[in-house]
Amino acid sequence: MPSVPRIRRATPHGAVHRLEKGEGLPVVAVIRWHHGINRTVPATATAWTRDAVEISWEPAIGEGLRTDWVAATDVTREIDLPDLADDTALPPHTISGQSKRRW
């Protein structure tokens, strides 16, 4: 079995609100990989709680849909993709894209 990179999954807590089978809301999600790369992808939200959203997304064209729970802060209903470049790895101290000025 080939090795598949793991994403940082969220654990849903509380009441889960689920749409009917076959329905979903179009969203844009930031997939955060364990090895430090963030990727912005179009997805479909099928269920959600206060702090997590279940999305269906396609890791690569032709690979089929994958379903995962991600943090609600990583999902937006924006039609345009955010300005984050796909497959960018940023050091923890510059996640916002700006260095912290000490003086």
N, C-alpha and C. Protein backbone atom coordinates (compact mmCIF):
# COMPACT_ATOMS: atom_id res chain seq x y z
N MET A 1 0.85 -1.17 0.00
CA MET A 1 0.00 0.00 0.00
C MET A 1 0.90 1.24 0.00
N PRO A 2 0.65 2.19 -0.92
CA PRO A 2 1.50 3.39 -0.96
C PRO A 2 1.24 4.30 0.24
N SER A 3 2.26 5.05 0.62
CA SER A 3 2.15 5.98 1.73
C SER A 3 1.42 7.24 1.29
N VAL A 4 0.45 7.67 2.05
CA VAL A 4 -0.34 8.86 1.73
C VAL A 4 -0.06 9.92 2.78
N PRO A 5 0.27 11.16 2.36
CA PRO A 5 0.50 12.21 3.36
C PRO A 5 -0.75 12.44 4.20
N ARG A 6 -0.56 12.76 5.48
CA ARG A 6 -1.67 12.97 6.39
C ARG A 6 -1.97 14.45 6.52
N ILE A 7 -3.25 14.77 6.67
CA ILE A 7 -3.64 16.15 6.93
C ILE A 7 -3.98 16.29 8.41
N ARG A 8 -4.00 17.54 8.87
CA ARG A 8 -4.38 17.81 10.25
C ARG A 8 -5.91 17.82 10.31
N ARG A 9 -6.47 16.82 10.91
CA ARG A 9 -7.93 16.70 11.00
C ARG A 9 -8.43 17.34 12.29
N ALA A 10 -9.65 17.81 12.23
CA ALA A 10 -10.32 18.35 13.41
C ALA A 10 -11.24 17.27 13.97
N THR A 11 -11.51 17.33 15.25
CA THR A 11 -12.46 16.42 15.89
C THR A 11 -13.73 17.19 16.20
N PRO A 12 -14.86 16.77 15.62
CA PRO A 12 -16.11 17.49 15.88
C PRO A 12 -16.60 17.26 17.31
N HIS A 13 -17.04 18.33 17.96
CA HIS A 13 -17.62 18.26 19.30
C HIS A 13 -18.98 18.93 19.26
N GLY A 14 -19.94 18.39 19.96
CA GLY A 14 -21.27 18.98 20.02
C GLY A 14 -22.19 18.41 18.95
N ALA A 15 -23.30 19.10 18.73
CA ALA A 15 -24.31 18.65 17.78
C ALA A 15 -23.80 18.82 16.35
N VAL A 16 -23.95 17.75 15.55
CA VAL A 16 -23.53 17.78 14.14
C VAL A 16 -24.74 18.10 13.28
N HIS A 17 -24.62 19.13 12.46
CA HIS A 17 -25.68 19.50 11.51
C HIS A 17 -25.28 18.94 10.15
N ARG A 18 -26.11 18.04 9.62
CA ARG A 18 -25.76 17.35 8.38
C ARG A 18 -26.82 17.65 7.32
N LEU A 19 -26.37 17.86 6.08
CA LEU A 19 -27.28 18.07 4.97
C LEU A 19 -27.79 16.73 4.45
N GLU A 20 -28.82 16.80 3.63
CA GLU A 20 -29.38 15.58 3.04
C GLU A 20 -28.32 14.88 2.19
N LYS A 21 -28.47 13.58 2.03
CA LYS A 21 -27.54 12.80 1.22
C LYS A 21 -27.49 13.36 -0.20
N GLY A 22 -26.30 13.62 -0.70
CA GLY A 22 -26.16 14.14 -2.07
C GLY A 22 -26.15 15.65 -2.15
N GLU A 23 -26.44 16.35 -1.04
CA GLU A 23 -26.41 17.80 -1.04
C GLU A 23 -25.14 18.28 -0.37
N GLY A 24 -24.82 19.53 -0.60
CA GLY A 24 -23.65 20.12 0.04
C GLY A 24 -23.52 21.58 -0.32
N LEU A 25 -22.74 22.30 0.46
CA LEU A 25 -22.49 23.72 0.22
C LEU A 25 -21.11 23.88 -0.40
N PRO A 26 -20.99 24.62 -1.51
CA PRO A 26 -19.66 24.85 -2.08
C PRO A 26 -18.85 25.76 -1.17
N VAL A 27 -17.64 25.35 -0.84
CA VAL A 27 -16.77 26.12 0.05
C VAL A 27 -15.34 26.09 -0.51
N VAL A 28 -14.49 26.90 0.12
CA VAL A 28 -13.06 26.87 -0.15
C VAL A 28 -12.40 26.52 1.18
N ALA A 29 -11.53 25.50 1.17
CA ALA A 29 -10.92 25.03 2.41
C ALA A 29 -9.40 25.09 2.30
N VAL A 30 -8.77 25.37 3.44
CA VAL A 30 -7.32 25.30 3.54
C VAL A 30 -6.98 23.94 4.15
N ILE A 31 -6.28 23.12 3.38
CA ILE A 31 -5.85 21.80 3.85
C ILE A 31 -4.47 21.98 4.45
N ARG A 32 -4.34 21.64 5.72
CA ARG A 32 -3.05 21.78 6.42
C ARG A 32 -2.44 20.39 6.57
N TRP A 33 -1.34 20.16 5.87
CA TRP A 33 -0.65 18.86 5.90
C TRP A 33 0.27 18.80 7.10
N HIS A 34 0.51 17.61 7.62
CA HIS A 34 1.38 17.41 8.78
C HIS A 34 2.82 17.82 8.50
N HIS A 35 3.27 17.75 7.26
CA HIS A 35 4.65 18.10 6.96
C HIS A 35 4.83 19.61 6.74
N GLY A 36 3.78 20.43 7.01
CA GLY A 36 3.92 21.88 7.04
C GLY A 36 3.45 22.64 5.82
N ILE A 37 2.91 21.98 4.82
CA ILE A 37 2.44 22.66 3.62
C ILE A 37 0.94 22.89 3.72
N ASN A 38 0.50 24.10 3.37
CA ASN A 38 -0.92 24.43 3.34
C ASN A 38 -1.36 24.50 1.88
N ARG A 39 -2.56 24.01 1.59
CA ARG A 39 -3.06 24.01 0.22
C ARG A 39 -4.52 24.45 0.24
N THR A 40 -4.86 25.39 -0.61
CA THR A 40 -6.23 25.89 -0.72
C THR A 40 -6.95 25.11 -1.82
N VAL A 41 -8.11 24.51 -1.49
CA VAL A 41 -8.82 23.67 -2.45
C VAL A 41 -10.32 24.00 -2.44
N PRO A 42 -10.99 23.85 -3.58
CA PRO A 42 -12.45 23.91 -3.58
C PRO A 42 -13.00 22.62 -2.98
N ALA A 43 -14.07 22.72 -2.23
CA ALA A 43 -14.63 21.54 -1.56
C ALA A 43 -16.14 21.70 -1.41
N THR A 44 -16.76 20.67 -0.87
CA THR A 44 -18.20 20.68 -0.58
C THR A 44 -18.37 20.35 0.90
N ALA A 45 -19.03 21.24 1.64
CA ALA A 45 -19.31 21.01 3.06
C ALA A 45 -20.57 20.17 3.17
N THR A 46 -20.49 19.06 3.89
CA THR A 46 -21.64 18.17 4.04
C THR A 46 -22.18 18.12 5.46
N ALA A 47 -21.34 18.51 6.45
CA ALA A 47 -21.76 18.53 7.85
C ALA A 47 -20.87 19.50 8.60
N TRP A 48 -21.37 20.01 9.74
CA TRP A 48 -20.55 20.94 10.52
C TRP A 48 -21.00 20.99 11.96
N THR A 49 -20.08 21.41 12.82
CA THR A 49 -20.35 21.73 14.22
C THR A 49 -19.84 23.15 14.43
N ARG A 50 -19.83 23.59 15.66
CA ARG A 50 -19.35 24.94 15.96
C ARG A 50 -17.87 25.11 15.59
N ASP A 51 -17.07 24.05 15.76
CA ASP A 51 -15.62 24.19 15.56
C ASP A 51 -15.02 23.33 14.46
N ALA A 52 -15.82 22.55 13.72
CA ALA A 52 -15.29 21.69 12.67
C ALA A 52 -16.29 21.58 11.52
N VAL A 53 -15.77 21.31 10.33
CA VAL A 53 -16.60 21.14 9.13
C VAL A 53 -16.15 19.88 8.42
N GLU A 54 -17.13 19.05 8.01
CA GLU A 54 -16.82 17.88 7.21
C GLU A 54 -16.88 18.28 5.75
N ILE A 55 -15.76 18.09 5.03
CA ILE A 55 -15.71 18.48 3.63
C ILE A 55 -15.40 17.27 2.75
N SER A 56 -15.87 17.34 1.51
CA SER A 56 -15.49 16.38 0.49
C SER A 56 -14.65 17.15 -0.52
N TRP A 57 -13.46 16.64 -0.83
CA TRP A 57 -12.56 17.34 -1.73
C TRP A 57 -11.76 16.33 -2.53
N GLU A 58 -11.16 16.79 -3.61
CA GLU A 58 -10.38 15.92 -4.48
C GLU A 58 -8.91 16.28 -4.36
N PRO A 59 -8.07 15.39 -3.79
CA PRO A 59 -6.66 15.70 -3.59
C PRO A 59 -5.92 16.01 -4.90
N ALA A 60 -6.22 15.29 -5.94
CA ALA A 60 -5.64 15.54 -7.27
C ALA A 60 -6.68 15.13 -8.30
N ILE A 61 -6.60 15.70 -9.47
CA ILE A 61 -7.59 15.42 -10.51
C ILE A 61 -7.58 13.93 -10.84
N GLY A 62 -8.76 13.34 -10.81
CA GLY A 62 -8.91 11.94 -11.14
C GLY A 62 -8.70 10.97 -9.99
N GLU A 63 -8.35 11.45 -8.80
CA GLU A 63 -8.14 10.55 -7.66
C GLU A 63 -9.41 10.24 -6.89
N GLY A 64 -10.49 10.90 -7.20
CA GLY A 64 -11.74 10.66 -6.50
C GLY A 64 -11.88 11.55 -5.28
N LEU A 65 -13.08 11.58 -4.70
CA LEU A 65 -13.35 12.43 -3.56
C LEU A 65 -12.85 11.82 -2.26
N ARG A 66 -12.41 12.69 -1.38
CA ARG A 66 -11.96 12.29 -0.04
C ARG A 66 -12.78 13.10 0.95
N THR A 67 -13.18 12.52 2.07
CA THR A 67 -13.98 13.21 3.08
C THR A 67 -13.19 13.29 4.37
N ASP A 68 -13.08 14.53 4.91
CA ASP A 68 -12.32 14.76 6.13
C ASP A 68 -12.99 15.84 6.96
N TRP A 69 -12.75 15.83 8.27
CA TRP A 69 -13.16 16.91 9.16
C TRP A 69 -11.98 17.87 9.28
N VAL A 70 -12.22 19.17 9.05
CA VAL A 70 -11.19 20.20 9.20
C VAL A 70 -11.72 21.28 10.14
N ALA A 71 -10.82 22.11 10.64
CA ALA A 71 -11.22 23.19 11.55
C ALA A 71 -12.12 24.18 10.82
N ALA A 72 -13.13 24.68 11.50
CA ALA A 72 -14.07 25.63 10.89
C ALA A 72 -13.37 26.92 10.47
N THR A 73 -12.29 27.29 11.12
CA THR A 73 -11.57 28.50 10.75
C THR A 73 -10.84 28.36 9.42
N ASP A 74 -10.70 27.13 8.92
CA ASP A 74 -10.03 26.88 7.64
C ASP A 74 -10.99 26.78 6.47
N VAL A 75 -12.27 27.08 6.69
CA VAL A 75 -13.28 26.95 5.64
C VAL A 75 -13.98 28.29 5.46
N THR A 76 -14.20 28.67 4.20
CA THR A 76 -14.91 29.90 3.89
C THR A 76 -15.87 29.66 2.73
N ARG A 77 -16.90 30.48 2.63
CA ARG A 77 -17.87 30.37 1.54
C ARG A 77 -17.49 31.28 0.38
N GLU A 78 -16.33 31.92 0.43
CA GLU A 78 -15.90 32.82 -0.63
C GLU A 78 -15.80 32.07 -1.96
N ILE A 79 -16.24 32.72 -3.02
CA ILE A 79 -16.15 32.12 -4.34
C ILE A 79 -14.71 32.22 -4.86
N ASP A 80 -14.07 33.37 -4.68
CA ASP A 80 -12.69 33.54 -5.12
C ASP A 80 -11.76 32.89 -4.11
N LEU A 81 -10.70 32.27 -4.61
CA LEU A 81 -9.72 31.67 -3.72
C LEU A 81 -8.97 32.75 -2.97
N PRO A 82 -8.59 32.51 -1.74
CA PRO A 82 -7.80 33.49 -1.00
C PRO A 82 -6.46 33.73 -1.68
N ASP A 83 -5.75 34.78 -1.27
CA ASP A 83 -4.48 35.13 -1.87
C ASP A 83 -3.36 34.19 -1.47
N LEU A 84 -3.62 33.25 -0.57
CA LEU A 84 -2.60 32.28 -0.21
C LEU A 84 -2.20 31.48 -1.44
N ALA A 85 -0.93 31.36 -1.68
CA ALA A 85 -0.46 30.55 -2.80
C ALA A 85 -0.58 29.08 -2.41
N ASP A 86 -0.94 28.25 -3.36
CA ASP A 86 -1.03 26.83 -3.09
C ASP A 86 0.35 26.26 -2.82
N ASP A 87 0.40 25.27 -1.97
CA ASP A 87 1.63 24.55 -1.65
C ASP A 87 2.73 25.46 -1.13
N THR A 88 2.39 26.37 -0.23
CA THR A 88 3.41 27.22 0.37
C THR A 88 3.63 26.78 1.80
N ALA A 89 4.88 26.75 2.18
CA ALA A 89 5.24 26.43 3.55
C ALA A 89 5.83 27.68 4.18
N LEU A 90 5.25 28.13 5.27
CA LEU A 90 5.73 29.32 5.95
C LEU A 90 6.22 28.95 7.33
N PRO A 91 7.33 29.53 7.77
CA PRO A 91 7.77 29.28 9.13
C PRO A 91 6.72 29.77 10.12
N PRO A 92 6.64 29.18 11.32
CA PRO A 92 5.60 29.56 12.28
C PRO A 92 5.59 31.04 12.65
N HIS A 93 6.75 31.70 12.68
CA HIS A 93 6.78 33.10 13.10
C HIS A 93 6.37 34.05 11.98
N THR A 94 6.18 33.57 10.76
CA THR A 94 5.78 34.45 9.67
C THR A 94 4.51 33.95 8.99
N ILE A 95 3.66 33.28 9.73
CA ILE A 95 2.44 32.73 9.14
C ILE A 95 1.58 33.83 8.54
N SER A 96 1.54 35.01 9.14
CA SER A 96 0.74 36.09 8.59
C SER A 96 1.41 36.72 7.39
N GLY A 97 2.65 36.36 7.11
CA GLY A 97 3.36 36.92 5.98
C GLY A 97 4.18 38.14 6.34
N GLN A 98 4.07 38.58 7.58
CA GLN A 98 4.83 39.76 8.03
C GLN A 98 5.69 39.37 9.23
N SER A 99 6.92 39.84 9.22
CA SER A 99 7.78 39.53 10.35
C SER A 99 7.37 40.36 11.55
N LYS A 100 7.66 39.84 12.73
CA LYS A 100 7.33 40.57 13.96
C LYS A 100 8.43 41.58 14.27
N ARG A 101 8.07 42.82 14.33
CA ARG A 101 9.03 43.89 14.63
C ARG A 101 9.19 43.98 16.16
N ARG A 102 10.40 43.97 16.61
CA ARG A 102 10.66 44.02 18.05
C ARG A 102 10.76 45.44 18.56
N TRP A 103 11.16 46.41 17.76
CA TRP A 103 11.36 47.79 18.22
C TRP A 103 10.54 48.76 17.41
